[in-house]
Amino acid sequence: MIYLFYGDDELSILEAMQDLIRNVGTNDLRDHNVIRLDKQSITPEKLTSSVSSVPFLSERRLIIVTDFFSKTKSKRNAGKDWGNLRQIVETMPPTNDLLFRETQNAYKNNDLFNQIAEMISVREFPMPRGAAINRWIQERVKDKGGDIDNSAVARLVYVIGSDTWALDSEIEKLVLYAADREINRNDIDLLTTDNHQDSIFKAVDMALNGNLNAMESVKTILNGSESPGYILAMIHRQVRLLITAKMFHGEDVNRNDLSRQLNLRGYAMDKLLEETKRHSLSKLRSVHSLLVKTDEKIKLGKLKDMLALEMLLAELVLLNN
């Protein structure tokens, strides 16, 4: 059988690959029957030798090829070098499985893929979003022998987002902690680090510093549970805090008094004071002016939230240069 796996849900891809590897047989035989070829090492001769060999003391043999179509697409002479690809895979005995592991969907426009497309079982592994991530969590908890209520599912998504690797790790911990009872929201708040808020603070810091990658960071948050309006509000809040802290800099105000006035404690206060050093008061006032104008355009219906956010991030890049 020939497979092609691609998508951004790396955990699900790994697990699907492990299912194929388990079909090969016992651990002591897998070194002989699981062959891995990457885009640096693969040649027509190596692929021919790998797929045509029969299993060694096992019922099945698996050949895993990483980024084959992504690699060959950029080569001008790829078609010439691999003109016999169809012939190579047609000689593969029925005891063997061939897996193409692609990190992107470049294969769709690749002539070599089109040569053997009807022979390949293609599986996409997209990162679950929206209601799909809720179902994923519930099924994952059940698979690990646990149970979880709906409010805890929602809270876990809010705190962690849709990163299946991180979610799987948290679920493992929560199932062990809850033992035979249902996982609830209090368990999430007790055991799970709020990566969600940390991601937002990082995105806001990147935006204020004019980082060109700020939009990518913001999009990751938007793919979770937040809106463009919320991101704008968080930027506005951070700028107000920075201006207040900057104005008190050099005044006879101690840290505790400032902490009470800003209603910030511990790590959050440390991060704010660190960020304050990076900006002049005049720059912060300019950013505040941009935010006020952006808010006015949204309220007047001149801009939608998402477009307003994109334009603001672009203006912050210019302001920092």
Protein backbone atom coordinates (compact mmCIF):
# COMPACT_ATOMS: atom_id res chain seq x y z
CA MET A 1 0.00 0.00 0.00
CA ILE A 2 1.19 3.53 -0.77
CA TYR A 3 0.27 6.41 1.58
CA LEU A 4 0.81 10.16 1.66
CA PHE A 5 0.41 11.97 5.00
CA TYR A 6 0.47 15.76 5.33
CA GLY A 7 -0.92 18.52 7.55
CA ASP A 8 -0.04 20.63 10.59
CA ASP A 9 -1.29 18.21 13.28
CA GLU A 10 2.09 16.61 13.91
CA LEU A 11 0.86 14.50 16.82
CA SER A 12 -1.84 12.77 14.78
CA ILE A 13 0.58 12.18 11.91
CA LEU A 14 3.10 10.61 14.28
CA GLU A 15 0.44 8.32 15.74
CA ALA A 16 -0.74 7.24 12.28
CA MET A 17 2.87 6.49 11.35
CA GLN A 18 3.29 4.47 14.54
CA ASP A 19 0.27 2.36 13.56
CA LEU A 20 2.02 1.47 10.30
CA ILE A 21 5.27 0.76 12.14
CA ARG A 22 3.51 -1.59 14.57
CA ASN A 23 2.26 -3.62 11.59
CA VAL A 24 5.88 -4.42 10.75
CA GLY A 25 6.31 -6.70 13.75
CA THR A 26 8.30 -6.86 16.96
CA ASN A 27 10.80 -4.20 18.01
CA ASP A 28 13.85 -6.37 17.29
CA LEU A 29 12.82 -6.70 13.63
CA ARG A 30 11.94 -3.05 12.97
CA ASP A 31 15.55 -1.97 12.44
CA HIS A 32 15.59 -4.27 9.41
CA ASN A 33 12.07 -3.60 8.12
CA VAL A 34 11.43 0.10 8.74
CA ILE A 35 13.49 2.07 6.22
CA ARG A 36 13.65 5.88 6.43
CA LEU A 37 14.74 8.04 3.50
CA ASP A 38 14.80 11.84 3.58
CA LYS A 39 15.12 14.49 0.90
CA GLN A 40 18.91 14.61 1.31
CA SER A 41 19.59 10.89 1.04
CA ILE A 42 17.01 9.57 -1.43
CA THR A 43 17.98 8.57 -4.97
CA PRO A 44 16.13 6.48 -7.56
CA GLU A 45 18.53 3.62 -6.83
CA LYS A 46 17.97 3.77 -3.06
CA LEU A 47 14.19 3.93 -3.43
CA THR A 48 14.21 1.01 -5.89
CA SER A 49 16.32 -1.10 -3.55
CA SER A 50 14.20 -0.20 -0.51
CA VAL A 51 10.75 -0.85 -1.98
CA SER A 52 11.68 -4.00 -3.90
CA SER A 53 13.26 -5.86 -0.97
CA VAL A 54 11.07 -8.37 0.85
CA PRO A 55 10.55 -8.24 4.65
CA PHE A 56 13.22 -9.81 6.85
CA LEU A 57 11.68 -12.44 9.16
CA SER A 58 8.47 -10.43 9.24
CA GLU A 59 5.17 -10.22 7.41
CA ARG A 60 5.53 -6.56 6.41
CA ARG A 61 8.13 -3.94 5.50
CA LEU A 62 7.66 -0.13 5.69
CA ILE A 63 9.54 2.53 3.72
CA ILE A 64 9.09 6.12 4.96
CA VAL A 65 10.12 8.93 2.61
CA THR A 66 10.12 12.51 3.95
CA ASP A 67 9.42 15.55 1.77
CA PHE A 68 9.98 13.69 -1.49
CA PHE A 69 7.57 15.77 -3.58
CA SER A 70 8.60 19.01 -1.88
CA LYS A 71 12.21 18.28 -2.77
CA THR A 72 11.72 17.16 -6.34
CA LYS A 73 9.39 20.04 -7.21
CA SER A 74 12.20 22.59 -7.02
CA LYS A 75 14.62 20.57 -9.15
CA ARG A 76 14.73 21.49 -12.80
CA ASN A 77 15.84 17.99 -13.80
CA ALA A 78 13.61 16.16 -11.32
CA GLY A 79 11.36 14.74 -14.00
CA LYS A 80 14.38 13.34 -15.86
CA ASP A 81 15.93 11.84 -12.70
CA TRP A 82 12.68 10.28 -11.54
CA GLY A 83 11.06 9.50 -14.87
CA ASN A 84 10.71 5.86 -13.83
CA LEU A 85 9.00 6.57 -10.48
CA ARG A 86 5.83 4.75 -11.51
CA GLN A 87 7.85 1.73 -12.56
CA ILE A 88 9.71 1.75 -9.24
CA VAL A 89 6.57 1.70 -7.10
CA GLU A 90 4.83 -0.83 -9.36
CA THR A 91 7.56 -3.36 -8.58
CA MET A 92 6.87 -3.10 -4.85
CA PRO A 93 5.71 -6.48 -3.44
CA PRO A 94 2.33 -6.60 -1.64
CA THR A 95 4.11 -7.22 1.67
CA ASN A 96 5.53 -3.66 1.62
CA ASP A 97 4.07 -0.28 2.53
CA LEU A 98 5.44 3.00 1.17
CA LEU A 99 4.69 6.21 3.07
CA PHE A 100 5.37 9.68 1.68
CA ARG A 101 5.48 12.10 4.63
CA GLU A 102 5.05 15.64 3.33
CA THR A 103 5.31 18.72 5.56
CA GLN A 104 3.31 20.82 3.11
CA ASN A 105 0.76 20.34 0.32
CA ALA A 106 3.27 21.03 -2.47
CA TYR A 107 2.65 17.52 -3.80
CA LYS A 108 -0.67 18.68 -5.32
CA ASN A 109 1.09 20.52 -8.16
CA ASN A 110 3.90 18.02 -8.61
CA ASP A 111 4.10 16.12 -11.90
CA LEU A 112 5.67 13.10 -10.22
CA PHE A 113 2.76 12.84 -7.81
CA ASN A 114 0.34 12.98 -10.72
CA GLN A 115 2.12 9.99 -12.28
CA ILE A 116 1.14 7.77 -9.36
CA ALA A 117 -1.78 9.70 -7.81
CA GLU A 118 -4.33 6.94 -8.36
CA MET A 119 -2.06 4.50 -6.50
CA ILE A 120 -1.75 6.66 -3.37
CA SER A 121 -4.03 6.90 -0.35
CA VAL A 122 -3.76 10.57 0.70
CA ARG A 123 -4.57 11.55 4.30
CA GLU A 124 -4.63 15.15 5.50
CA PHE A 125 -4.11 15.85 9.21
CA PRO A 126 -5.28 19.43 9.82
CA MET A 127 -5.03 20.94 13.28
CA PRO A 128 -8.51 20.65 14.80
CA ARG A 129 -10.33 23.97 15.23
CA GLY A 130 -13.56 25.14 16.84
CA ALA A 131 -15.94 22.35 17.81
CA ALA A 132 -13.50 19.78 16.41
CA ILE A 133 -10.90 20.52 19.11
CA ASN A 134 -13.56 20.03 21.81
CA ARG A 135 -14.40 16.61 20.40
CA TRP A 136 -10.71 15.78 20.12
CA ILE A 137 -10.16 16.55 23.81
CA GLN A 138 -13.18 14.50 24.91
CA GLU A 139 -12.05 11.51 22.82
CA ARG A 140 -8.47 11.86 24.04
CA VAL A 141 -9.53 11.90 27.68
CA LYS A 142 -11.73 8.85 27.10
CA ASP A 143 -8.88 6.99 25.37
CA LYS A 144 -6.71 7.61 28.43
CA GLY A 145 -9.39 6.17 30.73
CA GLY A 146 -10.77 9.45 32.04
CA ASP A 147 -13.82 11.69 31.82
CA ILE A 148 -14.15 15.48 31.52
CA ASP A 149 -17.06 17.89 31.79
CA ASN A 150 -17.89 20.45 29.09
CA SER A 151 -16.80 23.50 31.11
CA ALA A 152 -13.39 21.90 31.67
CA VAL A 153 -13.06 21.22 27.93
CA ALA A 154 -13.82 24.87 27.14
CA ARG A 155 -11.37 26.06 29.76
CA LEU A 156 -8.61 23.78 28.49
CA VAL A 157 -9.06 25.08 24.94
CA TYR A 158 -8.98 28.67 26.21
CA VAL A 159 -5.80 28.10 28.22
CA ILE A 160 -3.84 25.89 25.80
CA GLY A 161 -5.36 26.54 22.37
CA SER A 162 -5.40 23.93 19.61
CA ASP A 163 -1.82 22.62 19.97
CA THR A 164 -2.46 18.86 20.13
CA TRP A 165 1.01 18.12 21.51
CA ALA A 166 0.49 20.47 24.46
CA LEU A 167 -3.09 19.31 24.96
CA ASP A 168 -2.08 15.65 25.04
CA SER A 169 0.52 16.36 27.72
CA GLU A 170 -1.98 18.30 29.85
CA ILE A 171 -4.66 15.62 29.44
CA GLU A 172 -2.24 12.93 30.60
CA LYS A 173 -1.54 14.96 33.74
CA LEU A 174 -5.21 15.76 34.38
CA VAL A 175 -6.39 12.14 33.99
CA LEU A 176 -3.79 10.95 36.50
CA TYR A 177 -4.72 13.72 38.95
CA ALA A 178 -8.50 13.22 38.75
CA ALA A 179 -8.13 9.42 39.05
CA ASP A 180 -11.65 7.92 38.91
CA ARG A 181 -13.64 11.15 38.94
CA GLU A 182 -14.59 13.58 36.18
CA ILE A 183 -12.07 16.31 35.31
CA ASN A 184 -13.55 19.72 36.11
CA ARG A 185 -12.69 23.36 35.51
CA ASN A 186 -10.99 23.69 38.91
CA ASP A 187 -8.54 20.96 37.89
CA ILE A 188 -7.58 22.97 34.80
CA ASP A 189 -6.99 26.14 36.83
CA LEU A 190 -4.94 24.22 39.40
CA LEU A 191 -2.67 22.18 37.12
CA THR A 192 -2.48 23.90 33.74
CA THR A 193 -0.22 26.82 32.87
CA ASP A 194 -2.08 29.59 31.08
CA ASN A 195 -0.19 29.52 27.76
CA HIS A 196 -3.08 31.46 26.24
CA GLN A 197 -2.41 34.61 28.25
CA ASP A 198 1.34 34.23 27.81
CA SER A 199 0.89 34.03 24.03
CA ILE A 200 -1.23 37.17 24.03
CA PHE A 201 1.34 39.12 26.07
CA LYS A 202 4.11 38.00 23.71
CA ALA A 203 2.08 39.02 20.65
CA VAL A 204 1.35 42.44 22.16
CA ASP A 205 5.03 42.95 22.98
CA MET A 206 5.99 41.99 19.43
CA ALA A 207 3.44 44.44 18.02
CA LEU A 208 4.64 47.34 20.18
CA ASN A 209 8.24 46.62 19.19
CA GLY A 210 7.37 46.65 15.48
CA ASN A 211 8.33 43.01 15.01
CA LEU A 212 7.51 41.88 11.45
CA ASN A 213 6.40 38.49 12.81
CA ALA A 214 3.76 40.01 15.08
CA MET A 215 0.99 39.26 12.59
CA GLU A 216 1.87 35.56 12.54
CA SER A 217 1.76 35.47 16.32
CA VAL A 218 -1.59 37.26 16.31
CA LYS A 219 -3.02 34.84 13.72
CA THR A 220 -2.13 31.91 15.98
CA ILE A 221 -4.22 33.48 18.75
CA LEU A 222 -7.07 34.27 16.35
CA ASN A 223 -7.13 30.61 15.27
CA GLY A 224 -7.91 29.78 18.87
CA SER A 225 -10.76 31.53 20.61
CA GLU A 226 -10.06 35.27 20.49
CA SER A 227 -11.29 38.07 18.21
CA PRO A 228 -9.39 40.92 16.51
CA GLY A 229 -11.23 43.33 18.83
CA TYR A 230 -9.82 41.54 21.86
CA ILE A 231 -6.26 41.80 20.52
CA LEU A 232 -6.75 45.52 19.90
CA ALA A 233 -8.07 45.95 23.44
CA MET A 234 -5.06 44.11 24.87
CA ILE A 235 -2.65 46.35 22.93
CA HIS A 236 -4.54 49.44 24.14
CA ARG A 237 -4.41 48.20 27.75
CA GLN A 238 -0.68 47.48 27.58
CA VAL A 239 0.06 50.92 26.14
CA ARG A 240 -1.92 52.62 28.93
CA LEU A 241 0.02 50.62 31.53
CA LEU A 242 3.35 51.44 29.90
CA ILE A 243 2.56 55.16 29.74
CA THR A 244 1.56 55.20 33.42
CA ALA A 245 4.70 53.30 34.45
CA LYS A 246 6.88 55.54 32.29
CA MET A 247 5.41 58.72 33.76
CA PHE A 248 6.17 57.50 37.28
CA HIS A 249 9.72 56.54 36.33
CA GLY A 250 12.11 58.71 38.35
CA GLU A 251 9.33 59.90 40.66
CA ASP A 252 9.36 59.09 44.36
CA VAL A 253 7.07 56.11 43.88
CA ASN A 254 8.16 52.67 45.04
CA ARG A 255 7.40 49.41 43.27
CA ASN A 256 4.69 48.34 45.71
CA ASP A 257 2.74 51.59 45.29
CA LEU A 258 2.98 51.35 41.51
CA SER A 259 1.96 47.68 41.63
CA ARG A 260 -1.18 48.58 43.59
CA GLN A 261 -2.03 51.47 41.27
CA LEU A 262 -1.68 49.33 38.14
CA ASN A 263 -3.21 46.24 39.78
CA LEU A 264 -0.29 44.10 38.65
CA ARG A 265 1.70 41.60 40.70
CA GLY A 266 4.74 39.36 40.39
CA TYR A 267 5.66 38.19 36.89
CA ALA A 268 3.23 40.57 35.14
CA MET A 269 4.73 43.54 36.97
CA ASP A 270 8.29 42.43 36.20
CA LYS A 271 7.48 42.09 32.48
CA LEU A 272 5.88 45.55 32.39
CA LEU A 273 8.86 47.25 34.02
CA GLU A 274 11.22 45.44 31.66
CA GLU A 275 9.15 46.53 28.64
CA THR A 276 9.00 50.13 29.91
CA LYS A 277 12.76 50.47 29.44
CA ARG A 278 12.46 49.76 25.71
CA HIS A 279 10.14 52.65 24.85
CA SER A 280 10.30 56.42 25.10
CA LEU A 281 7.29 58.30 26.44
CA SER A 282 6.92 60.16 23.13
CA LYS A 283 6.79 56.88 21.21
CA LEU A 284 4.19 55.42 23.58
CA ARG A 285 2.05 58.54 23.15
CA SER A 286 2.32 58.17 19.37
CA VAL A 287 1.17 54.54 19.65
CA HIS A 288 -1.71 55.64 21.87
CA SER A 289 -2.73 58.21 19.25
CA LEU A 290 -2.74 55.47 16.57
CA LEU A 291 -4.94 53.30 18.78
CA VAL A 292 -7.42 56.12 19.38
CA LYS A 293 -7.69 56.76 15.63
CA THR A 294 -8.07 53.03 14.95
CA ASP A 295 -10.84 52.74 17.54
CA GLU A 296 -12.63 55.74 16.06
CA LYS A 297 -12.57 54.25 12.53
CA ILE A 298 -14.02 50.98 13.84
CA LYS A 299 -16.82 52.71 15.75
CA LEU A 300 -17.69 54.85 12.72
CA GLY A 301 -17.89 51.74 10.54
CA LYS A 302 -14.99 52.80 8.33
CA LEU A 303 -12.95 49.67 9.14
CA LYS A 304 -13.72 46.13 10.23
CA ASP A 305 -11.87 44.83 13.29
CA MET A 306 -9.54 42.53 11.35
CA LEU A 307 -8.53 45.12 8.76
CA ALA A 308 -8.03 47.69 11.51
CA LEU A 309 -5.75 45.29 13.39
CA GLU A 310 -3.70 44.53 10.27
CA MET A 311 -3.30 48.24 9.47
CA LEU A 312 -2.31 49.03 13.07
CA LEU A 313 0.41 46.36 13.08
CA ALA A 314 1.78 47.74 9.81
CA GLU A 315 1.82 51.27 11.24
CA LEU A 316 3.62 50.06 14.35
CA VAL A 317 6.36 48.55 12.17
CA LEU A 318 6.81 51.93 10.46
CA LEU A 319 6.77 53.76 13.78
CA ASN A 320 9.60 51.59 15.12
CA ASN A 321 11.82 52.06 12.05
